Amino acid sequence: MIRHIEKFFNFGFTLKEFFAILLGCVLFMLSMPPHNFSFLVFFSLIPLLVILENKSVALSLRLGLIAGFISYTISLFWLWALFKTFSLVLFCIMAAFWGIFAMLFGTIQKFYNYQFALITSPFIWTAVEFFKAEQWRLKFGWLSFGYSQYNNKYFLSLAKYIGVYGISFIIVCITVIFIIFFKYRALKTRLTSLSIIGLIILFSLYSVRQKNSFNTLRKIQVYGVQVENNFEKGIALTLNAPVKNNSVVVFPEYSISDSPLQNPQLEQKIIKFIKKINSYFIFGCMEFTPEAKKPFNNIALIYSPEGRLIGKFQKHHPIQFFLDGEPGKSYPVFKTETGTLGVGICYDFDYVDVAKNLTKKGAEILIAPTMDAICWGKAQHIQHACMMPFRAVETGRFLVRPASSGISMIINPDGEILKQSKIGGSDIMDYEVPLLNCKTFYVIYGYIFPYMSQVFCILLILTGFIVKVKIYL
């Protein structure tokens, strides 16, 4: 009966292969937040990579699209509440990158052979994932393989050298090693596989031992206030804390749906509050731009304890398909008497560039005022928050994240979450944060590894194409 079904639909692959891919998609979902069975990510790509053997380029593309669509549909189900049927279009767009990965795999397999494509697949995956997450207009880094390890200190510690995309590379490397170990019986092949896994483990252990030093006399008291759409309640929470003088108080993104820069009465109210707490105040608000394409920009303002405006940061990565302002162009850091503050807004820290550039410019602490609406659901809050430890480790900075309805966090440069709020409700977190000025390998050299992966893949395909053309001629 199954053979008749396959013949009727003429999929080009068997139902057994489809169910194997479905299993891989389920493993992918379970490995990611909020489920957090992170070890399963090492097995999630095995079914697809095994099934791609001897498949045509077109069929490889089709299989990748199917795997990607199912994986994102079951993992990002909360998008349905935001976009309804349009979320199907978003799932298709994201699935396209799994399809591109499988198509490139099939192309290299055609030019060379399956074993060679298998060995080079970590480079292919890293090249495609980096493009999806950082390099195009609708970039979306959520659920990149590396983020599955946000609570694994051994892999997380590697981010200071190779970033989250380097960790994705290692995950696919281990996946490939498992396939080689069980697929090829030669003793030499198995010993090589075990040796590579051993080296990865040793490097991870070494990275964990190389903990960041937080011994510094320069510290600053920070208060992160969690409150959604209620500026007055945030003020009341802060005044009841109480706040130490010359601290930094941070409210979430869009704390005020107005512009203190263009509303003198509102600014005077804010200044009055600032003088009561006698501290630096950072908060998210709007800047109206009637002559521009967008009616407002999404900004964060920082005021001194005397009520003087120190500066503003304009969000670099407005959320796609939302009215969220024009993207900012510069990376200002704010020098104060107590230290240099680096501010990025919400979605900015879903990517590496803002945190990395702020740190390069001298930021000694990273602050991420965030709006995650309570109606977006628990899974969205957890998936968003799990990206933040990577920004702290990659930059070697403490990161303070006050979110409108959670999850508010204070994270150290080892990726350890020191304080964390619950989802929903109002809260205030305080911590004496050391100010650091060292620069990690990743801050200095940044994207070098993903770029190398992309160049390597292009060279492989060009070389294979040239060789095939010469043979044909």
Protein backbone atom coordinates (compact mmCIF):
# COMPACT_ATOMS: atom_id res chain seq x y z
CA MET A 1 0.00 0.00 0.00
CA ILE A 2 2.85 2.39 0.92
CA ARG A 3 4.43 1.77 -2.49
CA HIS A 4 1.15 2.66 -4.17
CA ILE A 5 0.90 5.89 -2.17
CA GLU A 6 4.49 6.85 -3.10
CA LYS A 7 3.83 6.10 -6.75
CA PHE A 8 0.61 8.13 -6.74
CA PHE A 9 2.19 11.25 -5.28
CA ASN A 10 5.57 10.71 -7.03
CA PHE A 11 7.53 12.52 -4.33
CA GLY A 12 10.92 11.31 -5.54
CA PHE A 13 11.62 9.93 -2.07
CA THR A 14 10.03 7.21 0.04
CA LEU A 15 7.65 7.62 2.96
CA LYS A 16 10.33 6.01 5.12
CA GLU A 17 12.69 8.83 4.17
CA PHE A 18 9.98 11.41 4.87
CA PHE A 19 9.37 10.05 8.36
CA ALA A 20 13.12 10.05 8.99
CA ILE A 21 13.24 13.75 8.06
CA LEU A 22 10.21 14.36 10.29
CA LEU A 23 12.09 12.73 13.17
CA GLY A 24 15.03 15.07 12.56
CA CYS A 25 12.66 18.06 12.66
CA VAL A 26 11.24 16.92 16.00
CA LEU A 27 14.77 16.49 17.40
CA PHE A 28 15.58 20.02 16.19
CA MET A 29 12.49 21.42 17.95
CA LEU A 30 13.27 19.60 21.21
CA SER A 31 16.90 20.77 21.18
CA MET A 32 15.88 24.43 21.05
CA PRO A 33 14.29 26.63 23.72
CA PRO A 34 11.88 26.33 25.41
CA HIS A 35 12.43 22.54 25.50
CA ASN A 36 16.22 22.74 25.99
CA PHE A 37 17.24 19.14 25.25
CA SER A 38 20.33 20.70 23.71
CA PHE A 39 22.19 17.42 23.09
CA LEU A 40 19.55 16.40 20.52
CA VAL A 41 20.75 19.06 18.08
CA PHE A 42 23.77 16.85 17.29
CA PHE A 43 21.39 14.22 15.86
CA SER A 44 18.75 16.47 14.27
CA LEU A 45 20.53 16.85 10.92
CA ILE A 46 21.55 13.19 10.59
CA PRO A 47 18.39 11.99 8.76
CA LEU A 48 18.61 14.74 6.11
CA LEU A 49 22.35 14.27 5.51
CA VAL A 50 22.01 10.50 5.18
CA ILE A 51 18.99 10.71 2.86
CA LEU A 52 20.75 13.23 0.57
CA GLU A 53 23.18 10.53 -0.59
CA ASN A 54 22.95 10.07 -4.39
CA LYS A 55 19.99 12.45 -4.65
CA SER A 56 19.83 14.93 -7.53
CA VAL A 57 20.33 18.64 -6.92
CA ALA A 58 16.63 19.35 -7.51
CA LEU A 59 15.51 16.58 -5.16
CA SER A 60 18.03 17.70 -2.53
CA LEU A 61 16.52 21.19 -2.69
CA ARG A 62 13.03 19.75 -2.24
CA LEU A 63 14.07 17.64 0.75
CA GLY A 64 15.78 20.62 2.39
CA LEU A 65 12.70 22.79 1.91
CA ILE A 66 10.48 20.16 3.51
CA ALA A 67 12.83 19.72 6.48
CA GLY A 68 13.16 23.48 6.97
CA PHE A 69 9.45 24.18 6.71
CA ILE A 70 8.51 21.51 9.26
CA SER A 71 11.33 22.50 11.64
CA TYR A 72 10.40 26.18 11.73
CA THR A 73 6.64 25.58 11.77
CA ILE A 74 6.77 23.43 14.89
CA SER A 75 9.48 25.50 16.61
CA LEU A 76 8.15 29.01 15.88
CA PHE A 77 4.46 28.19 16.24
CA TRP A 78 3.92 31.41 18.23
CA LEU A 79 4.36 33.44 15.02
CA TRP A 80 0.87 32.29 14.06
CA ALA A 81 -0.62 34.43 16.85
CA LEU A 82 1.19 37.50 15.47
CA PHE A 83 0.80 37.08 11.70
CA LYS A 84 -1.99 34.50 11.23
CA THR A 85 -1.88 32.99 7.70
CA PHE A 86 1.01 35.29 6.71
CA SER A 87 3.19 33.26 9.07
CA LEU A 88 3.08 30.47 6.44
CA VAL A 89 4.93 32.82 4.08
CA LEU A 90 7.52 33.47 6.82
CA PHE A 91 7.97 29.73 7.41
CA CYS A 92 8.52 29.26 3.64
CA ILE A 93 11.12 32.05 3.57
CA MET A 94 13.03 30.54 6.49
CA ALA A 95 12.70 27.03 5.03
CA ALA A 96 14.36 28.31 1.85
CA PHE A 97 17.71 28.40 3.65
CA TRP A 98 17.52 24.73 4.60
CA GLY A 99 16.66 24.17 0.95
CA ILE A 100 19.69 26.19 -0.16
CA PHE A 101 21.91 24.18 2.19
CA ALA A 102 20.60 20.89 0.77
CA MET A 103 20.90 22.19 -2.82
CA LEU A 104 24.55 23.23 -2.26
CA PHE A 105 25.19 19.85 -0.65
CA GLY A 106 23.69 18.14 -3.70
CA THR A 107 25.73 20.32 -6.06
CA ILE A 108 29.03 19.50 -4.33
CA GLN A 109 28.01 15.84 -4.25
CA LYS A 110 27.43 15.97 -8.02
CA PHE A 111 30.78 17.65 -8.72
CA TYR A 112 32.79 15.47 -6.33
CA ASN A 113 31.11 12.69 -4.32
CA TYR A 114 28.90 12.08 -1.31
CA GLN A 115 31.74 11.62 1.18
CA PHE A 116 33.34 14.90 0.14
CA ALA A 117 29.99 16.72 0.41
CA LEU A 118 29.48 15.21 3.85
CA ILE A 119 32.90 16.36 5.08
CA THR A 120 32.36 19.89 3.76
CA SER A 121 28.77 20.18 5.03
CA PRO A 122 29.76 22.07 8.24
CA PHE A 123 31.18 24.84 6.01
CA ILE A 124 28.05 24.82 3.84
CA TRP A 125 25.77 25.02 6.88
CA THR A 126 27.77 27.86 8.48
CA ALA A 127 27.88 29.84 5.23
CA VAL A 128 24.11 29.57 4.70
CA GLU A 129 23.15 30.10 8.37
CA PHE A 130 25.32 33.23 8.60
CA PHE A 131 23.73 34.66 5.45
CA LYS A 132 20.23 33.92 6.81
CA ALA A 133 21.00 35.49 10.18
CA GLU A 134 23.17 38.49 9.36
CA GLN A 135 23.51 39.36 5.68
CA TRP A 136 20.21 39.99 3.91
CA ARG A 137 17.21 42.28 4.27
CA LEU A 138 14.96 39.89 6.21
CA LYS A 139 17.77 38.48 8.33
CA PHE A 140 16.60 36.24 11.15
CA GLY A 141 19.04 34.57 13.53
CA TRP A 142 16.55 32.86 15.81
CA LEU A 143 17.04 29.11 16.24
CA SER A 144 20.48 29.07 14.66
CA PHE A 145 22.07 25.79 15.75
CA GLY A 146 24.52 27.51 18.12
CA TYR A 147 21.71 29.00 20.22
CA SER A 148 20.69 25.51 21.35
CA GLN A 149 23.79 25.56 23.60
CA TYR A 150 22.97 28.74 25.53
CA ASN A 151 22.86 26.81 28.81
CA ASN A 152 25.86 24.58 28.02
CA LYS A 153 28.89 26.27 29.56
CA TYR A 154 31.36 24.14 27.61
CA PHE A 155 30.10 25.15 24.18
CA LEU A 156 28.98 28.63 25.22
CA SER A 157 32.53 29.47 26.33
CA LEU A 158 33.76 28.96 22.75
CA ALA A 159 31.77 32.00 21.61
CA LYS A 160 34.53 34.35 22.80
CA TYR A 161 36.72 32.85 20.03
CA ILE A 162 34.37 31.76 17.24
CA GLY A 163 30.97 33.30 18.03
CA VAL A 164 27.60 31.60 17.83
CA TYR A 165 28.08 30.67 14.15
CA GLY A 166 31.36 28.93 14.97
CA ILE A 167 29.47 26.85 17.51
CA SER A 168 26.95 25.95 14.79
CA PHE A 169 29.93 24.78 12.72
CA ILE A 170 31.16 22.52 15.54
CA ILE A 171 27.65 21.08 16.04
CA VAL A 172 27.43 20.07 12.37
CA CYS A 173 31.01 18.74 12.55
CA ILE A 174 30.02 16.41 15.38
CA THR A 175 26.89 15.40 13.44
CA VAL A 176 29.03 14.47 10.43
CA ILE A 177 31.49 12.57 12.64
CA PHE A 178 28.61 10.48 14.02
CA ILE A 179 27.51 9.65 10.47
CA ILE A 180 31.02 8.74 9.37
CA PHE A 181 31.60 6.63 12.50
CA PHE A 182 28.49 4.49 11.99
CA LYS A 183 28.34 4.54 8.19
CA TYR A 184 31.95 3.64 7.41
CA ARG A 185 33.41 0.57 9.09
CA ALA A 186 37.15 1.21 8.59
CA LEU A 187 39.04 1.33 11.91
CA LYS A 188 41.16 4.27 10.74
CA THR A 189 38.04 6.27 9.89
CA ARG A 190 36.50 5.57 13.29
CA LEU A 191 39.66 6.46 15.18
CA THR A 192 39.92 9.72 13.23
CA SER A 193 36.31 10.53 14.09
CA LEU A 194 36.85 9.87 17.79
CA SER A 195 40.05 11.94 17.74
CA ILE A 196 38.26 14.97 16.28
CA ILE A 197 35.49 14.74 18.89
CA GLY A 198 38.20 14.46 21.57
CA LEU A 199 39.94 17.60 20.32
CA ILE A 200 36.66 19.53 20.33
CA ILE A 201 35.99 18.42 23.92
CA LEU A 202 39.52 19.39 25.03
CA PHE A 203 39.20 22.81 23.38
CA SER A 204 35.84 23.32 25.10
CA LEU A 205 37.28 22.34 28.49
CA TYR A 206 40.22 24.70 27.94
CA SER A 207 37.82 27.54 27.08
CA VAL A 208 35.81 26.96 30.25
CA ARG A 209 39.00 27.12 32.33
CA GLN A 210 39.94 30.44 30.71
CA LYS A 211 37.29 32.33 32.64
CA ASN A 212 37.10 36.09 32.38
CA SER A 213 38.59 38.04 35.27
CA PHE A 214 36.06 40.29 36.97
CA ASN A 215 38.52 41.60 39.54
CA THR A 216 38.27 45.33 39.03
CA LEU A 217 37.86 48.27 41.36
CA ARG A 218 35.61 49.97 38.82
CA LYS A 219 32.01 48.92 39.35
CA ILE A 220 28.61 50.46 38.80
CA GLN A 221 25.28 49.74 40.45
CA VAL A 222 22.65 48.96 37.81
CA TYR A 223 18.88 48.67 38.22
CA GLY A 224 16.87 46.96 35.47
CA VAL A 225 13.15 47.74 35.66
CA GLN A 226 10.62 45.34 34.12
CA VAL A 227 7.30 46.99 33.35
CA GLU A 228 5.04 46.92 30.28
CA ASN A 229 3.20 50.00 28.96
CA ASN A 230 3.11 51.70 32.35
CA PHE A 231 5.77 54.38 32.81
CA GLU A 232 4.21 55.62 36.06
CA LYS A 233 4.40 52.13 37.57
CA GLY A 234 8.06 51.93 36.59
CA ILE A 235 8.73 55.21 38.37
CA ALA A 236 6.93 53.97 41.50
CA LEU A 237 8.94 50.70 41.48
CA THR A 238 12.19 52.62 41.19
CA LEU A 239 11.40 55.12 43.95
CA ASN A 240 10.51 52.24 46.27
CA ALA A 241 13.78 50.38 45.58
CA PRO A 242 15.50 52.66 46.85
CA VAL A 243 18.22 53.54 44.32
CA LYS A 244 21.80 54.36 45.33
CA ASN A 245 23.23 57.67 44.12
CA ASN A 246 25.10 57.69 40.78
CA SER A 247 23.69 54.32 39.76
CA VAL A 248 22.29 53.44 36.33
CA VAL A 249 18.53 52.88 36.09
CA VAL A 250 17.27 51.26 32.89
CA PHE A 251 13.66 51.03 31.70
CA PRO A 252 12.58 48.81 28.74
CA GLU A 253 12.20 49.69 25.07
CA TYR A 254 9.11 51.81 24.33
CA SER A 255 8.75 52.75 28.00
CA ILE A 256 7.06 55.91 26.73
CA SER A 257 5.00 56.10 23.53
CA ASP A 258 5.99 59.73 23.16
CA SER A 259 9.07 61.88 22.57
CA PRO A 260 10.65 63.78 25.47
CA LEU A 261 12.83 65.49 22.85
CA GLN A 262 9.72 67.09 21.35
CA ASN A 263 7.50 67.32 24.44
CA PRO A 264 9.03 69.75 26.98
CA GLN A 265 6.44 68.98 29.64
CA LEU A 266 7.19 65.25 29.47
CA GLU A 267 10.92 65.91 29.62
CA GLN A 268 10.50 68.08 32.72
CA LYS A 269 8.55 65.28 34.39
CA ILE A 270 11.38 62.84 33.58
CA ILE A 271 14.05 65.27 34.84
CA LYS A 272 12.14 65.67 38.10
CA PHE A 273 12.18 61.87 38.53
CA ILE A 274 15.89 61.70 37.69
CA LYS A 275 16.78 64.28 40.33
CA LYS A 276 14.91 62.24 42.93
CA ILE A 277 16.95 59.12 42.23
CA ASN A 278 20.16 61.09 41.51
CA SER A 279 21.28 58.49 38.96
CA TYR A 280 21.81 57.96 35.24
CA PHE A 281 18.55 57.08 33.52
CA ILE A 282 18.19 55.09 30.28
CA PHE A 283 14.82 54.39 28.72
CA GLY A 284 13.21 53.60 25.37
CA CYS A 285 10.92 56.11 23.67
CA MET A 286 10.07 57.63 20.29
CA GLU A 287 11.44 60.44 18.18
CA PHE A 288 8.81 61.72 15.76
CA THR A 289 9.96 62.29 12.17
CA PRO A 290 7.01 63.70 10.17
CA GLU A 291 9.16 64.48 7.13
CA ALA A 292 10.75 61.01 6.93
CA LYS A 293 9.37 57.75 5.48
CA LYS A 294 8.48 56.46 8.96
CA PRO A 295 6.46 58.60 11.42
CA PHE A 296 8.92 57.97 14.26
CA ASN A 297 12.24 56.40 15.17
CA ASN A 298 12.78 53.90 17.97
CA ILE A 299 15.40 55.40 20.30
CA ALA A 300 16.88 55.10 23.78
CA LEU A 301 17.82 58.24 25.70
CA ILE A 302 20.37 58.58 28.49
CA TYR A 303 20.25 61.36 31.07
CA SER A 304 22.80 62.32 33.72
CA PRO A 305 21.93 62.45 37.46
CA GLU A 306 21.57 66.22 37.05
CA GLY A 307 18.89 65.75 34.39
CA ARG A 308 21.14 66.63 31.46
CA LEU A 309 20.61 64.74 28.18
CA ILE A 310 23.87 62.88 27.45
CA GLY A 311 22.80 61.35 24.14
CA LYS A 312 20.57 58.97 22.24
CA PHE A 313 20.88 55.62 20.52
CA GLN A 314 18.71 54.82 17.50
CA LYS A 315 17.74 51.20 16.98
CA HIS A 316 19.82 49.59 14.24
CA HIS A 317 17.59 46.61 13.50
CA PRO A 318 13.88 47.51 13.39
CA ILE A 319 11.69 44.40 13.52
CA GLN A 320 10.61 43.32 10.06
CA PHE A 321 6.91 43.77 9.21
CA PHE A 322 6.43 46.07 12.24
CA LEU A 323 6.30 49.86 12.41
CA ASP A 324 9.57 50.24 14.29
CA GLY A 325 11.34 53.29 12.83
CA GLU A 326 14.28 53.78 10.50
CA PRO A 327 17.52 51.89 11.22
CA GLY A 328 20.26 53.80 13.03
CA LYS A 329 23.59 54.43 11.32
CA SER A 330 26.07 55.08 14.14
CA TYR A 331 27.29 53.26 17.26
CA PRO A 332 27.51 55.89 20.00
CA VAL A 333 28.80 54.93 23.43
CA PHE A 334 28.08 57.10 26.45
CA LYS A 335 30.99 58.17 28.63
CA THR A 336 29.98 58.94 32.18
CA GLU A 337 31.89 59.64 35.40
CA THR A 338 31.34 56.03 36.44
CA GLY A 339 32.13 54.28 33.12
CA THR A 340 31.39 53.95 29.41
CA LEU A 341 27.94 52.56 28.63
CA GLY A 342 26.98 50.73 25.43
CA VAL A 343 23.26 50.67 24.63
CA GLY A 344 21.49 48.55 21.99
CA ILE A 345 17.73 48.24 21.69
CA CYS A 346 15.98 44.85 21.86
CA TYR A 347 16.30 43.28 18.39
CA ASP A 348 19.76 44.85 17.98
CA PHE A 349 21.21 42.16 20.23
CA ASP A 350 19.66 39.36 18.19
CA TYR A 351 22.62 40.02 15.89
CA VAL A 352 26.33 40.31 16.58
CA ASP A 353 27.19 43.63 14.93
CA VAL A 354 25.78 46.13 17.46
CA ALA A 355 27.27 44.47 20.55
CA LYS A 356 30.60 43.95 18.78
CA ASN A 357 30.87 47.54 17.49
CA LEU A 358 29.84 49.09 20.81
CA THR A 359 32.53 47.06 22.55
CA LYS A 360 35.12 48.06 19.94
CA LYS A 361 34.26 51.71 20.58
CA GLY A 362 34.94 51.33 24.30
CA ALA A 363 31.70 50.16 25.95
CA GLU A 364 32.51 48.68 29.36
CA ILE A 365 29.01 47.31 29.94
CA LEU A 366 26.19 46.43 27.50
CA ILE A 367 22.61 47.49 28.15
CA ALA A 368 19.68 46.10 26.15
CA PRO A 369 16.29 47.72 26.88
CA THR A 370 13.78 45.29 25.33
CA MET A 371 10.09 45.04 24.59
CA ASP A 372 8.64 41.53 24.51
CA ALA A 373 4.87 41.87 24.77
CA ILE A 374 3.20 39.44 27.18
CA CYS A 375 0.70 38.46 24.44
CA TRP A 376 3.52 37.02 22.30
CA GLY A 377 3.67 33.92 24.48
CA LYS A 378 6.10 32.09 26.73
CA ALA A 379 8.03 30.33 23.95
CA GLN A 380 8.81 33.65 22.23
CA HIS A 381 10.15 35.14 25.46
CA ILE A 382 12.42 32.18 26.15
CA GLN A 383 13.72 31.87 22.57
CA HIS A 384 14.52 35.58 22.50
CA ALA A 385 16.25 35.62 25.89
CA CYS A 386 18.47 32.61 25.07
CA MET A 387 20.40 34.69 22.52
CA MET A 388 21.67 37.16 25.13
CA PRO A 389 24.32 34.97 26.86
CA PHE A 390 26.11 34.73 23.50
CA ARG A 391 26.38 38.52 23.21
CA ALA A 392 27.92 38.66 26.70
CA VAL A 393 30.45 35.90 25.96
CA GLU A 394 31.33 37.13 22.46
CA THR A 395 32.08 40.65 23.73
CA GLY A 396 33.46 39.80 27.18
CA ARG A 397 31.01 42.22 28.83
CA PHE A 398 28.33 42.12 31.50
CA LEU A 399 24.95 42.50 29.83
CA VAL A 400 21.89 44.03 31.49
CA ARG A 401 18.54 43.36 29.80
CA PRO A 402 15.38 44.91 31.23
CA ALA A 403 12.45 43.48 29.23
CA SER A 404 8.91 44.85 29.30
CA SER A 405 7.27 41.61 30.42
CA GLY A 406 10.33 39.37 30.82
CA ILE A 407 12.67 37.75 30.65
CA SER A 408 14.81 40.48 32.27
CA MET A 409 18.38 39.32 32.83
CA ILE A 410 21.81 40.23 34.15
CA ILE A 411 24.50 38.10 32.50
CA ASN A 412 28.26 37.92 33.10
CA PRO A 413 30.93 37.50 30.36
CA ASP A 414 31.00 33.73 30.93
CA GLY A 415 27.34 33.58 29.84
CA GLU A 416 26.16 32.86 33.37
CA ILE A 417 22.73 34.34 34.13
CA LEU A 418 23.24 36.05 37.50
CA LYS A 419 19.68 37.32 37.87
CA GLN A 420 16.55 36.57 35.91
CA SER A 421 12.92 37.66 36.21
CA LYS A 422 9.78 35.66 35.56
CA ILE A 423 7.65 36.21 32.47
CA GLY A 424 4.85 38.66 33.12
CA GLY A 425 4.38 41.12 35.94
CA SER A 426 6.63 43.94 37.09
CA ASP A 427 10.03 43.60 38.71
CA ILE A 428 13.26 45.43 39.44
CA MET A 429 16.69 43.80 39.47
CA ASP A 430 19.86 45.35 40.83
CA TYR A 431 23.49 44.29 40.59
CA GLU A 432 26.90 45.83 41.13
CA VAL A 433 28.41 45.35 37.68
CA PRO A 434 32.18 45.34 37.10
CA LEU A 435 33.24 47.58 34.20
CA LEU A 436 35.54 45.71 31.81
CA ASN A 437 37.70 46.94 28.94
CA CYS A 438 39.44 43.81 27.60
CA LYS A 439 38.60 42.76 24.04
CA THR A 440 37.87 39.15 23.12
CA PHE A 441 39.21 37.41 20.03
CA TYR A 442 35.74 37.61 18.51
CA VAL A 443 35.43 41.36 19.05
CA ILE A 444 38.79 41.91 17.34
CA TYR A 445 38.32 39.54 14.40
CA GLY A 446 34.53 39.18 14.31
CA TYR A 447 33.01 37.37 11.35
CA ILE A 448 36.22 35.93 9.93
CA PHE A 449 35.13 32.28 10.27
CA PRO A 450 31.68 32.55 8.58
CA TYR A 451 33.23 34.63 5.80
CA MET A 452 35.90 31.96 5.27
CA SER A 453 33.17 29.31 5.10
CA GLN A 454 31.32 31.28 2.42
CA VAL A 455 34.48 31.82 0.36
CA PHE A 456 35.38 28.12 0.73
CA CYS A 457 31.94 27.03 -0.54
CA ILE A 458 32.10 29.38 -3.52
CA LEU A 459 35.57 28.10 -4.46
CA LEU A 460 34.42 24.47 -4.15
CA ILE A 461 31.48 25.00 -6.48
CA LEU A 462 33.48 27.07 -8.99
CA THR A 463 36.27 24.49 -9.05
CA GLY A 464 33.81 21.64 -9.51
CA PHE A 465 32.01 23.51 -12.29
CA ILE A 466 35.26 24.30 -14.13
CA VAL A 467 36.44 20.69 -13.89
CA LYS A 468 33.10 19.39 -15.21
CA VAL A 469 33.17 21.87 -18.11
CA LYS A 470 36.73 20.83 -19.05
CA ILE A 471 35.75 17.16 -18.99
CA TYR A 472 32.71 17.92 -21.15
CA LEU A 473 34.82 19.89 -23.67
